[in-house]
Amino acid sequence: MESYVTADSLQAKAKLWLEKIAPFNQHHMQLSKEKAALLVIDMQHFFLDQASPSFTCGGLAILPTLKRLIHVFRAAGRPVIHTRHVHHPDRLDAGIMEWWWEGMCLEGSPESEVHSDLTPLSHEKVILKHRY
């Protein structure tokens, strides 16, 4: 699979994408440094390993930027919350995902863990999604 974005092209592509959607942006968000939390969604080996059937090439492109952003939030004492998309090891909760996706991200498997560049700290919340 050819990547539509890389770590090197991310900044330029993001600028282009933001310009394209600008006419549709009805609300210009303003963040509060005192109230902000960072939600890191499904940055797991299952989606970031090129050998995985569910590899998402854009995920690798954002890893360096996301790593810096997590560092900034931690340094500012702001919450960093991680989610992990997982299924019960017995596939009790597989539903349509079992035939929709090739492969399953099973809870407890090495693939279900957050990428090692972004490992949650012991005090950070990790939310398991689609868990039975």
Protein backbone atom coordinates (compact mmCIF):
# COMPACT_ATOMS: atom_id res chain seq x y z
CA MET A 1 0.00 0.00 0.00
CA GLU A 2 1.37 3.38 -0.95
CA SER A 3 1.14 5.95 1.84
CA TYR A 4 -0.97 9.00 1.11
CA VAL A 5 0.98 10.85 3.78
CA THR A 6 4.34 10.45 5.51
CA ALA A 7 5.95 12.13 8.50
CA ASP A 8 7.85 14.32 6.01
CA SER A 9 4.78 15.31 3.98
CA LEU A 10 2.33 15.63 6.88
CA GLN A 11 2.71 19.36 7.53
CA ALA A 12 2.25 20.38 3.90
CA LYS A 13 -0.64 17.98 3.34
CA ALA A 14 -2.39 19.06 6.54
CA LYS A 15 -2.15 22.69 5.42
CA LEU A 16 -3.67 21.75 2.04
CA TRP A 17 -6.48 19.72 3.66
CA LEU A 18 -7.30 22.54 6.08
CA GLU A 19 -7.48 25.00 3.18
CA LYS A 20 -9.87 22.70 1.31
CA ILE A 21 -12.26 22.34 4.26
CA ALA A 22 -12.01 25.98 5.38
CA PRO A 23 -15.25 27.02 3.59
CA PHE A 24 -17.13 24.37 5.58
CA ASN A 25 -15.62 25.22 8.97
CA GLN A 26 -18.51 26.87 10.80
CA HIS A 27 -16.86 26.89 14.22
CA HIS A 28 -13.31 27.98 14.94
CA MET A 29 -12.29 26.08 18.04
CA GLN A 30 -10.29 27.74 20.77
CA LEU A 31 -8.51 25.48 23.23
CA SER A 32 -8.11 26.26 26.90
CA LYS A 33 -4.68 25.27 28.19
CA GLU A 34 -6.11 24.99 31.69
CA LYS A 35 -8.92 22.61 30.67
CA ALA A 36 -7.46 20.66 27.74
CA ALA A 37 -6.96 16.90 27.72
CA LEU A 38 -5.42 14.84 24.95
CA LEU A 39 -7.32 11.83 23.65
CA VAL A 40 -5.06 9.37 21.81
CA ILE A 41 -7.32 7.02 19.87
CA ASP A 42 -6.39 3.46 18.92
CA MET A 43 -2.68 4.01 18.29
CA GLN A 44 -2.03 0.28 18.57
CA HIS A 45 0.38 -2.11 16.89
CA PHE A 46 -2.66 -3.73 15.20
CA PHE A 47 -3.15 -0.58 13.11
CA LEU A 48 0.48 0.60 12.90
CA ASP A 49 2.34 -2.58 11.93
CA GLN A 50 2.78 -2.75 8.16
CA ALA A 51 2.36 -6.54 8.29
CA SER A 52 -1.08 -6.23 9.94
CA PRO A 53 -4.18 -6.79 7.80
CA SER A 54 -5.58 -3.60 9.36
CA PHE A 55 -2.51 -1.42 8.81
CA THR A 56 -3.35 2.29 8.60
CA CYS A 57 -0.51 4.14 6.87
CA GLY A 58 -1.57 7.56 8.14
CA GLY A 59 -0.94 6.39 11.69
CA LEU A 60 2.78 6.03 11.10
CA ALA A 61 2.92 9.50 9.59
CA ILE A 62 1.56 11.13 12.75
CA LEU A 63 3.67 9.16 15.25
CA PRO A 64 6.50 11.74 15.61
CA THR A 65 4.09 14.68 15.94
CA LEU A 66 1.83 12.79 18.34
CA LYS A 67 4.81 11.78 20.48
CA ARG A 68 5.80 15.47 20.80
CA LEU A 69 2.21 16.48 21.58
CA ILE A 70 1.93 13.85 24.32
CA HIS A 71 5.19 15.14 25.80
CA VAL A 72 3.83 18.72 25.83
CA PHE A 73 0.60 17.65 27.56
CA ARG A 74 2.50 15.63 30.16
CA ALA A 75 4.96 18.46 30.81
CA ALA A 76 2.01 20.84 31.32
CA GLY A 77 0.38 18.42 33.76
CA ARG A 78 -2.62 17.91 31.48
CA PRO A 79 -4.38 14.56 31.12
CA VAL A 80 -3.45 12.14 28.36
CA ILE A 81 -6.14 9.50 27.78
CA HIS A 82 -5.62 6.51 25.49
CA THR A 83 -8.19 4.26 23.85
CA ARG A 84 -7.61 0.74 22.58
CA HIS A 85 -9.92 -1.00 20.13
CA VAL A 86 -10.07 -4.60 21.38
CA HIS A 87 -12.27 -7.66 21.16
CA HIS A 88 -12.75 -10.44 23.69
CA PRO A 89 -10.21 -13.26 23.10
CA ASP A 90 -13.12 -15.67 22.50
CA ARG A 91 -14.61 -13.19 19.98
CA LEU A 92 -17.83 -12.95 22.01
CA ASP A 93 -18.23 -9.36 20.89
CA ALA A 94 -17.00 -9.72 17.30
CA GLY A 95 -20.34 -9.07 15.61
CA ILE A 96 -20.00 -7.83 12.03
CA MET A 97 -16.36 -6.91 12.66
CA GLU A 98 -15.44 -10.58 12.29
CA TRP A 99 -16.45 -10.64 8.61
CA TRP A 100 -15.95 -6.92 7.88
CA TRP A 101 -12.27 -6.72 8.83
CA GLU A 102 -9.52 -9.14 8.09
CA GLY A 103 -8.08 -10.07 11.46
CA MET A 104 -9.28 -9.14 14.93
CA CYS A 105 -7.56 -7.02 17.55
CA LEU A 106 -7.88 -9.36 20.51
CA GLU A 107 -7.52 -8.12 24.08
CA GLY A 108 -4.31 -9.36 25.64
CA SER A 109 -2.49 -9.84 22.35
CA PRO A 110 0.75 -7.94 21.68
CA GLU A 111 -0.96 -6.30 18.69
CA SER A 112 -3.61 -4.75 20.95
CA GLU A 113 -1.07 -2.74 22.93
CA VAL A 114 -0.45 0.96 22.38
CA HIS A 115 2.53 1.58 20.09
CA SER A 116 5.79 1.53 22.06
CA ASP A 117 6.61 5.14 21.04
CA LEU A 118 3.43 6.28 22.83
CA THR A 119 3.26 3.91 25.81
CA PRO A 120 0.82 5.25 28.43
CA LEU A 121 2.26 6.16 31.81
CA SER A 122 1.01 4.16 34.78
CA HIS A 123 -1.30 6.96 35.95
CA GLU A 124 -2.82 7.64 32.50
CA LYS A 125 -6.29 6.34 31.74
CA VAL A 126 -6.58 3.65 29.07
CA ILE A 127 -10.10 2.94 27.82
CA LEU A 128 -10.80 -0.38 26.15
CA LYS A 129 -13.45 -0.14 23.42
CA HIS A 130 -15.72 -2.93 22.10
CA ARG A 131 -14.96 -5.02 25.10
CA TYR A 132 -17.45 -7.71 26.12
